Amino acid sequence: LLDDYVGSKFSLITFNSKATMRVPLTPDSTALASSINTMLPEVTQYSNGSSISAPKQLLEDTIKAEAKLDPEGKRANIVLYFGDGEQTSETKPDSFSSMKDFVSAAKVYGYGTTEGGKMKTQNGFYISSDKDSYIKDGSGNDGLSVIDENNLKAIANDLGGTYEHRSSEKRISEAVLDDSEKIELEKKEGANINNTVEYYWLALIPFMLIMFLEAGYLGRKAKKLGVRFK
């Protein structure tokens, strides 16, 4: 995805019960890649569950701040959301619909299964394979991370985007701008977004994350790939 969105500015927000800006908006894609590669799961003993809408306010503030710097709307704002959709905190999730008018395209990628998967205990240090332990629920059974596609589809709908259930067997698809937005971007900036490359290891990140991309200068990429607007 980073290769395909070449020329964009990137921001990375990760969250569990609270949101953290890992990478402020920057054209340096290597900074984003480095942050993802060094990111670790939350330490289990400090965990308070996760809220699927925890990053909503931080994301909205970021997008609206950029909108003020681009009053003519020359740049496309794209939101990519990665998660399992499971609301484990005691609070109810908020809607993302308040930022819909500021988002040019959005894609929600869902990870996990309805059967659920065990979660390794994280103590903040390297855990070797022969010492792995797993989080237990209140009954002493293995705690499971279970996908909630209804929540994920609701987020996609709030952002005016689409939902895709992810697995390593199929190629990831990008957030696509509609034809009118593509034409407008071509007139103003010559921008476009094209095919993606797969990052299977994103599925291994046990916490949800959001990527906000400001796509504005992709004309040379489009010409290189032979893309033409109609």
C-alpha atoms as a PDB file:
ATOM      1  CA  LEU A   1       0.000   0.000   0.000  1.00  0.00           C
ATOM      2  CA  LEU A   2       2.830   2.405   0.776  1.00  0.00           C
ATOM      3  CA  ASP A   3       4.372   1.749  -2.627  1.00  0.00           C
ATOM      4  CA  ASP A   4       1.052   2.320  -4.320  1.00  0.00           C
ATOM      5  CA  TYR A   5       0.290   5.571  -2.531  1.00  0.00           C
ATOM      6  CA  VAL A   6       3.666   7.044  -3.442  1.00  0.00           C
ATOM      7  CA  GLY A   7       3.663  10.829  -3.263  1.00  0.00           C
ATOM      8  CA  SER A   8       1.066  10.980  -0.487  1.00  0.00           C
ATOM      9  CA  LYS A   9       1.393  12.246   3.039  1.00  0.00           C
ATOM     10  CA  PHE A  10       0.808   9.625   5.720  1.00  0.00           C
ATOM     11  CA  SER A  11      -0.326   9.620   9.314  1.00  0.00           C
ATOM     12  CA  LEU A  12      -0.635   6.597  11.595  1.00  0.00           C
ATOM     13  CA  ILE A  13      -2.987   6.334  14.568  1.00  0.00           C
ATOM     14  CA  THR A  14      -3.076   3.198  16.702  1.00  0.00           C
ATOM     15  CA  PHE A  15      -5.464   2.516  19.538  1.00  0.00           C
ATOM     16  CA  ASN A  16      -6.813   0.171  22.176  1.00  0.00           C
ATOM     17  CA  SER A  17      -8.930   1.917  24.814  1.00  0.00           C
ATOM     18  CA  LYS A  18      -7.222   5.193  23.833  1.00  0.00           C
ATOM     19  CA  ALA A  19      -5.762   6.527  20.596  1.00  0.00           C
ATOM     20  CA  THR A  20      -2.138   7.497  19.978  1.00  0.00           C
ATOM     21  CA  MET A  21      -0.691   9.445  17.073  1.00  0.00           C
ATOM     22  CA  ARG A  22       2.279   7.253  16.132  1.00  0.00           C
ATOM     23  CA  VAL A  23       3.244   9.210  13.027  1.00  0.00           C
ATOM     24  CA  PRO A  24       2.125  12.818  12.429  1.00  0.00           C
ATOM     25  CA  LEU A  25       1.185  13.706   8.860  1.00  0.00           C
ATOM     26  CA  THR A  26       4.363  13.408   6.773  1.00  0.00           C
ATOM     27  CA  PRO A  27       5.443  12.673   3.179  1.00  0.00           C
ATOM     28  CA  ASP A  28       8.118  10.323   4.591  1.00  0.00           C
ATOM     29  CA  SER A  29       6.676   6.840   4.023  1.00  0.00           C
ATOM     30  CA  THR A  30       9.774   5.240   5.588  1.00  0.00           C
ATOM     31  CA  ALA A  31       8.804   6.815   8.919  1.00  0.00           C
ATOM     32  CA  LEU A  32       5.444   5.068   8.720  1.00  0.00           C
ATOM     33  CA  ALA A  33       7.020   1.737   7.728  1.00  0.00           C
ATOM     34  CA  SER A  34       9.509   1.982  10.599  1.00  0.00           C
ATOM     35  CA  SER A  35       6.755   2.718  13.094  1.00  0.00           C
ATOM     36  CA  ILE A  36       4.708  -0.287  11.961  1.00  0.00           C
ATOM     37  CA  ASN A  37       7.730  -2.601  11.994  1.00  0.00           C
ATOM     38  CA  THR A  38       8.661  -1.652  15.574  1.00  0.00           C
ATOM     39  CA  MET A  39       5.140  -1.507  17.011  1.00  0.00           C
ATOM     40  CA  LEU A  40       4.384  -3.902  19.886  1.00  0.00           C
ATOM     41  CA  PRO A  41       1.066  -5.042  21.409  1.00  0.00           C
ATOM     42  CA  GLU A  42      -0.201  -3.461  24.596  1.00  0.00           C
ATOM     43  CA  VAL A  43       1.152  -4.954  27.846  1.00  0.00           C
ATOM     44  CA  THR A  44      -1.584  -7.275  29.114  1.00  0.00           C
ATOM     45  CA  GLN A  45      -1.657  -6.134  32.735  1.00  0.00           C
ATOM     46  CA  TYR A  46      -2.313  -2.541  31.643  1.00  0.00           C
ATOM     47  CA  SER A  47      -5.048  -3.412  29.180  1.00  0.00           C
ATOM     48  CA  ASN A  48      -8.518  -1.934  29.666  1.00  0.00           C
ATOM     49  CA  GLY A  49     -10.059  -3.438  26.581  1.00  0.00           C
ATOM     50  CA  SER A  50     -10.390  -1.736  23.213  1.00  0.00           C
ATOM     51  CA  SER A  51     -12.930   0.621  21.687  1.00  0.00           C
ATOM     52  CA  ILE A  52     -13.394   0.573  17.930  1.00  0.00           C
ATOM     53  CA  SER A  53     -14.111   4.313  17.953  1.00  0.00           C
ATOM     54  CA  ALA A  54     -11.228   5.343  20.227  1.00  0.00           C
ATOM     55  CA  PRO A  55      -9.354   7.088  17.367  1.00  0.00           C
ATOM     56  CA  LYS A  56     -12.425   8.945  16.094  1.00  0.00           C
ATOM     57  CA  GLN A  57     -11.682  12.351  17.628  1.00  0.00           C
ATOM     58  CA  LEU A  58      -7.967  12.286  16.849  1.00  0.00           C
ATOM     59  CA  LEU A  59      -8.652  11.257  13.261  1.00  0.00           C
ATOM     60  CA  GLU A  60     -11.333  13.913  12.850  1.00  0.00           C
ATOM     61  CA  ASP A  61      -9.059  16.628  14.247  1.00  0.00           C
ATOM     62  CA  THR A  62      -6.287  15.584  11.840  1.00  0.00           C
ATOM     63  CA  ILE A  63      -8.524  15.578   8.781  1.00  0.00           C
ATOM     64  CA  LYS A  64     -10.235  18.875   9.560  1.00  0.00           C
ATOM     65  CA  ALA A  65      -6.914  20.582  10.331  1.00  0.00           C
ATOM     66  CA  GLU A  66      -5.647  19.554   6.903  1.00  0.00           C
ATOM     67  CA  ALA A  67      -8.889  20.708   5.283  1.00  0.00           C
ATOM     68  CA  LYS A  68      -8.223  24.231   6.579  1.00  0.00           C
ATOM     69  CA  LEU A  69      -4.853  24.178   4.822  1.00  0.00           C
ATOM     70  CA  ASP A  70      -6.501  23.065   1.580  1.00  0.00           C
ATOM     71  CA  PRO A  71      -9.606  25.298   1.219  1.00  0.00           C
ATOM     72  CA  GLU A  72      -9.922  24.603  -2.504  1.00  0.00           C
ATOM     73  CA  GLY A  73     -10.126  20.867  -1.912  1.00  0.00           C
ATOM     74  CA  LYS A  74      -7.261  19.971  -4.232  1.00  0.00           C
ATOM     75  CA  ARG A  75      -6.203  16.934  -2.276  1.00  0.00           C
ATOM     76  CA  ALA A  76      -8.008  13.681  -1.607  1.00  0.00           C
ATOM     77  CA  ASN A  77      -8.284  12.490   1.983  1.00  0.00           C
ATOM     78  CA  ILE A  78      -8.257   8.698   2.266  1.00  0.00           C
ATOM     79  CA  VAL A  79      -8.868   6.742   5.465  1.00  0.00           C
ATOM     80  CA  LEU A  80      -7.768   3.108   5.827  1.00  0.00           C
ATOM     81  CA  TYR A  81      -9.009   1.308   8.947  1.00  0.00           C
ATOM     82  CA  PHE A  82      -7.610  -2.047  10.087  1.00  0.00           C
ATOM     83  CA  GLY A  83      -9.227  -4.024  12.904  1.00  0.00           C
ATOM     84  CA  ASP A  84     -11.385  -6.870  14.137  1.00  0.00           C
ATOM     85  CA  GLY A  85     -14.354  -4.676  15.093  1.00  0.00           C
ATOM     86  CA  GLU A  86     -14.663  -6.166  18.564  1.00  0.00           C
ATOM     87  CA  GLN A  87     -15.767  -3.671  21.217  1.00  0.00           C
ATOM     88  CA  THR A  88     -14.306  -4.915  24.501  1.00  0.00           C
ATOM     89  CA  SER A  89     -14.300  -1.696  26.512  1.00  0.00           C
ATOM     90  CA  GLU A  90     -17.323  -0.810  28.633  1.00  0.00           C
ATOM     91  CA  THR A  91     -18.163   2.281  26.589  1.00  0.00           C
ATOM     92  CA  LYS A  92     -20.379   2.276  23.506  1.00  0.00           C
ATOM     93  CA  PRO A  93     -18.644   3.089  20.201  1.00  0.00           C
ATOM     94  CA  ASP A  94     -19.188   6.500  18.601  1.00  0.00           C
ATOM     95  CA  SER A  95     -20.104   7.059  14.972  1.00  0.00           C
ATOM     96  CA  PHE A  96     -17.503   8.241  12.444  1.00  0.00           C
ATOM     97  CA  SER A  97     -20.167   9.945  10.313  1.00  0.00           C
ATOM     98  CA  SER A  98     -19.233  13.483  11.426  1.00  0.00           C
ATOM     99  CA  MET A  99     -16.141  13.396   9.195  1.00  0.00           C
ATOM    100  CA  LYS A 100     -17.803  11.825   6.149  1.00  0.00           C
ATOM    101  CA  ASP A 101     -17.865  15.092   4.190  1.00  0.00           C
ATOM    102  CA  PHE A 102     -14.106  15.467   4.657  1.00  0.00           C
ATOM    103  CA  VAL A 103     -13.219  11.953   3.434  1.00  0.00           C
ATOM    104  CA  SER A 104     -12.733  11.356  -0.296  1.00  0.00           C
ATOM    105  CA  ALA A 105     -12.483   7.577   0.012  1.00  0.00           C
ATOM    106  CA  ALA A 106     -12.309   5.018   2.808  1.00  0.00           C
ATOM    107  CA  LYS A 107     -11.683   1.308   3.198  1.00  0.00           C
ATOM    108  CA  VAL A 108     -12.217  -0.809   6.303  1.00  0.00           C
ATOM    109  CA  TYR A 109     -10.208  -4.041   6.487  1.00  0.00           C
ATOM    110  CA  GLY A 110     -11.530  -6.694   8.877  1.00  0.00           C
ATOM    111  CA  TYR A 111      -9.320  -9.328  10.501  1.00  0.00           C
ATOM    112  CA  GLY A 112     -10.214 -12.466  12.408  1.00  0.00           C
ATOM    113  CA  THR A 113     -12.894 -15.149  12.426  1.00  0.00           C
ATOM    114  CA  THR A 114     -16.222 -15.759  14.134  1.00  0.00           C
ATOM    115  CA  GLU A 115     -14.620 -18.744  15.921  1.00  0.00           C
ATOM    116  CA  GLY A 116     -12.038 -16.414  17.420  1.00  0.00           C
ATOM    117  CA  GLY A 117      -8.343 -16.755  18.119  1.00  0.00           C
ATOM    118  CA  LYS A 118      -6.337 -16.973  21.334  1.00  0.00           C
ATOM    119  CA  MET A 119      -4.314 -13.936  22.412  1.00  0.00           C
ATOM    120  CA  LYS A 120      -0.784 -14.216  23.755  1.00  0.00           C
ATOM    121  CA  THR A 121       0.014 -12.599  27.077  1.00  0.00           C
ATOM    122  CA  GLN A 122       2.307  -9.621  26.576  1.00  0.00           C
ATOM    123  CA  ASN A 123       4.615  -8.567  29.407  1.00  0.00           C
ATOM    124  CA  GLY A 124       6.644  -5.954  27.579  1.00  0.00           C
ATOM    125  CA  PHE A 125       9.596  -8.221  26.923  1.00  0.00           C
ATOM    126  CA  TYR A 126      10.464 -10.757  24.254  1.00  0.00           C
ATOM    127  CA  ILE A 127       8.529 -13.979  24.813  1.00  0.00           C
ATOM    128  CA  SER A 128      10.129 -17.136  23.412  1.00  0.00           C
ATOM    129  CA  SER A 129       7.923 -19.789  21.829  1.00  0.00           C
ATOM    130  CA  ASP A 130       8.481 -22.311  24.636  1.00  0.00           C
ATOM    131  CA  LYS A 131       7.218 -19.845  27.263  1.00  0.00           C
ATOM    132  CA  ASP A 132       4.128 -18.503  25.529  1.00  0.00           C
ATOM    133  CA  SER A 133       1.055 -18.048  27.707  1.00  0.00           C
ATOM    134  CA  TYR A 134      -2.405 -16.899  26.714  1.00  0.00           C
ATOM    135  CA  ILE A 135      -4.860 -14.409  28.151  1.00  0.00           C
ATOM    136  CA  LYS A 136      -7.660 -15.963  30.201  1.00  0.00           C
ATOM    137  CA  ASP A 137     -11.221 -14.744  30.597  1.00  0.00           C
ATOM    138  CA  GLY A 138     -13.106 -14.408  33.880  1.00  0.00           C
ATOM    139  CA  SER A 139     -13.924 -18.126  33.869  1.00  0.00           C
ATOM    140  CA  GLY A 140     -10.325 -19.218  33.400  1.00  0.00           C
ATOM    141  CA  ASN A 141     -10.813 -20.170  29.760  1.00  0.00           C
ATOM    142  CA  ASP A 142      -8.748 -18.828  26.892  1.00  0.00           C
ATOM    143  CA  GLY A 143      -9.829 -15.319  26.006  1.00  0.00           C
ATOM    144  CA  LEU A 144     -10.649 -15.067  22.301  1.00  0.00           C
ATOM    145  CA  SER A 145     -10.407 -12.233  19.816  1.00  0.00           C
ATOM    146  CA  VAL A 146     -13.516 -12.517  17.634  1.00  0.00           C
ATOM    147  CA  ILE A 147     -14.294 -10.461  14.545  1.00  0.00           C
ATOM    148  CA  ASP A 148     -17.449  -8.309  14.547  1.00  0.00           C
ATOM    149  CA  GLU A 149     -18.166  -7.543  10.923  1.00  0.00           C
ATOM    150  CA  ASN A 150     -21.347  -5.629  11.719  1.00  0.00           C
ATOM    151  CA  ASN A 151     -19.304  -3.035  13.602  1.00  0.00           C
ATOM    152  CA  LEU A 152     -16.738  -2.845  10.816  1.00  0.00           C
ATOM    153  CA  LYS A 153     -19.395  -2.425   8.138  1.00  0.00           C
ATOM    154  CA  ALA A 154     -20.988   0.329  10.217  1.00  0.00           C
ATOM    155  CA  ILE A 155     -17.664   2.196  10.331  1.00  0.00           C
ATOM    156  CA  ALA A 156     -17.277   1.814   6.566  1.00  0.00           C
ATOM    157  CA  ASN A 157     -20.785   3.166   6.055  1.00  0.00           C
ATOM    158  CA  ASP A 158     -20.143   6.105   8.404  1.00  0.00           C
ATOM    159  CA  LEU A 159     -17.056   7.066   6.393  1.00  0.00           C
ATOM    160  CA  GLY A 160     -18.791   6.562   3.054  1.00  0.00           C
ATOM    161  CA  GLY A 161     -16.430   3.714   2.185  1.00  0.00           C
ATOM    162  CA  THR A 162     -16.413  -0.045   1.694  1.00  0.00           C
ATOM    163  CA  TYR A 163     -15.588  -3.091   3.801  1.00  0.00           C
ATOM    164  CA  GLU A 164     -13.314  -6.027   2.996  1.00  0.00           C
ATOM    165  CA  HIS A 165     -12.630  -9.115   5.092  1.00  0.00           C
ATOM    166  CA  ARG A 166      -8.921  -9.815   4.940  1.00  0.00           C
ATOM    167  CA  SER A 167      -7.015 -13.059   4.621  1.00  0.00           C
ATOM    168  CA  SER A 168      -3.550 -13.895   3.364  1.00  0.00           C
ATOM    169  CA  GLU A 169      -5.011 -15.892   0.464  1.00  0.00           C
ATOM    170  CA  LYS A 170      -6.276 -12.877  -1.459  1.00  0.00           C
ATOM    171  CA  ARG A 171      -4.750  -9.678  -2.703  1.00  0.00           C
ATOM    172  CA  ILE A 172      -5.572  -6.533  -0.768  1.00  0.00           C
ATOM    173  CA  SER A 173      -7.644  -3.942  -2.650  1.00  0.00           C
ATOM    174  CA  GLU A 174      -7.271  -0.189  -2.312  1.00  0.00           C
ATOM    175  CA  ALA A 175      -9.719   2.545  -1.380  1.00  0.00           C
ATOM    176  CA  VAL A 176     -10.992   3.815  -4.734  1.00  0.00           C
ATOM    177  CA  LEU A 177     -11.990   7.380  -5.564  1.00  0.00           C
ATOM    178  CA  ASP A 178     -15.176   7.720  -7.611  1.00  0.00           C
ATOM    179  CA  ASP A 179     -14.973   8.980 -11.201  1.00  0.00           C
ATOM    180  CA  SER A 180     -16.018  12.566 -10.429  1.00  0.00           C
ATOM    181  CA  GLU A 181     -13.328  12.874  -7.768  1.00  0.00           C
ATOM    182  CA  LYS A 182     -10.727  11.377 -10.097  1.00  0.00           C
ATOM    183  CA  ILE A 183     -11.604  13.878 -12.817  1.00  0.00           C
ATOM    184  CA  GLU A 184     -11.469  16.780 -10.375  1.00  0.00           C
ATOM    185  CA  LEU A 185      -8.098  15.631  -9.051  1.00  0.00           C
ATOM    186  CA  GLU A 186      -6.772  15.259 -12.589  1.00  0.00           C
ATOM    187  CA  LYS A 187      -7.750  18.827 -13.398  1.00  0.00           C
ATOM    188  CA  LYS A 188      -6.204  20.266 -10.248  1.00  0.00           C
ATOM    189  CA  GLU A 189      -3.264  18.054  -9.396  1.00  0.00           C
ATOM    190  CA  GLY A 190      -3.021  15.151 -11.850  1.00  0.00           C
ATOM    191  CA  ALA A 191      -3.553  12.745  -8.948  1.00  0.00           C
ATOM    192  CA  ASN A 192      -4.643   9.129  -8.963  1.00  0.00           C
ATOM    193  CA  ILE A 193      -4.505   5.994  -6.822  1.00  0.00           C
ATOM    194  CA  ASN A 194      -3.679   2.622  -8.314  1.00  0.00           C
ATOM    195  CA  ASN A 195      -3.041  -1.055  -7.605  1.00  0.00           C
ATOM    196  CA  THR A 196      -1.740  -2.186  -4.242  1.00  0.00           C
ATOM    197  CA  VAL A 197       0.779  -4.682  -2.946  1.00  0.00           C
ATOM    198  CA  GLU A 198       0.075  -7.138  -0.168  1.00  0.00           C
ATOM    199  CA  TYR A 199       1.341  -6.774   3.408  1.00  0.00           C
ATOM    200  CA  TYR A 200       0.248 -10.079   4.929  1.00  0.00           C
ATOM    201  CA  TRP A 201       1.952  -9.273   8.223  1.00  0.00           C
ATOM    202  CA  LEU A 202      -0.562  -6.524   8.973  1.00  0.00           C
ATOM    203  CA  ALA A 203      -2.899  -9.325  10.035  1.00  0.00           C
ATOM    204  CA  LEU A 204      -0.492 -10.136  12.854  1.00  0.00           C
ATOM    205  CA  ILE A 205      -0.952  -6.767  14.529  1.00  0.00           C
ATOM    206  CA  PRO A 206      -3.362  -7.515  17.397  1.00  0.00           C
ATOM    207  CA  PHE A 207      -4.489  -3.923  17.775  1.00  0.00           C
ATOM    208  CA  MET A 208      -6.474  -1.883  15.346  1.00  0.00           C
ATOM    209  CA  LEU A 209      -4.985   1.015  13.465  1.00  0.00           C
ATOM    210  CA  ILE A 210      -5.986   3.782  11.139  1.00  0.00           C
ATOM    211  CA  MET A 211      -3.979   5.231   8.301  1.00  0.00           C
ATOM    212  CA  PHE A 212      -4.901   8.666   7.018  1.00  0.00           C
ATOM    213  CA  LEU A 213      -3.451   9.559   3.642  1.00  0.00           C
ATOM    214  CA  GLU A 214      -3.501  12.898   1.921  1.00  0.00           C
ATOM    215  CA  ALA A 215      -3.245  11.949  -1.745  1.00  0.00           C
ATOM    216  CA  GLY A 216      -2.428  14.892  -3.909  1.00  0.00           C
ATOM    217  CA  TYR A 217       0.565  14.400  -6.164  1.00  0.00           C
ATOM    218  CA  LEU A 218       0.347  11.043  -7.917  1.00  0.00           C
ATOM    219  CA  GLY A 219       0.309  12.124 -11.567  1.00  0.00           C
ATOM    220  CA  ARG A 220       3.708  10.726 -12.384  1.00  0.00           C
ATOM    221  CA  LYS A 221       2.743   7.407 -10.817  1.00  0.00           C
ATOM    222  CA  ALA A 222      -0.417   7.276 -12.957  1.00  0.00           C
ATOM    223  CA  LYS A 223       1.474   8.038 -16.161  1.00  0.00           C
ATOM    224  CA  LYS A 224       4.097   5.401 -15.360  1.00  0.00           C
ATOM    225  CA  LEU A 225       1.386   2.756 -15.021  1.00  0.00           C
ATOM    226  CA  GLY A 226      -0.395   3.911 -18.155  1.00  0.00           C
ATOM    227  CA  VAL A 227      -3.535   5.026 -16.310  1.00  0.00           C
ATOM    228  CA  ARG A 228      -5.838   7.368 -18.235  1.00  0.00           C
ATOM    229  CA  PHE A 229      -8.943   9.217 -17.092  1.00  0.00           C
ATOM    230  CA  LYS A 230     -12.149   9.241 -19.126  1.00  0.00           C
END
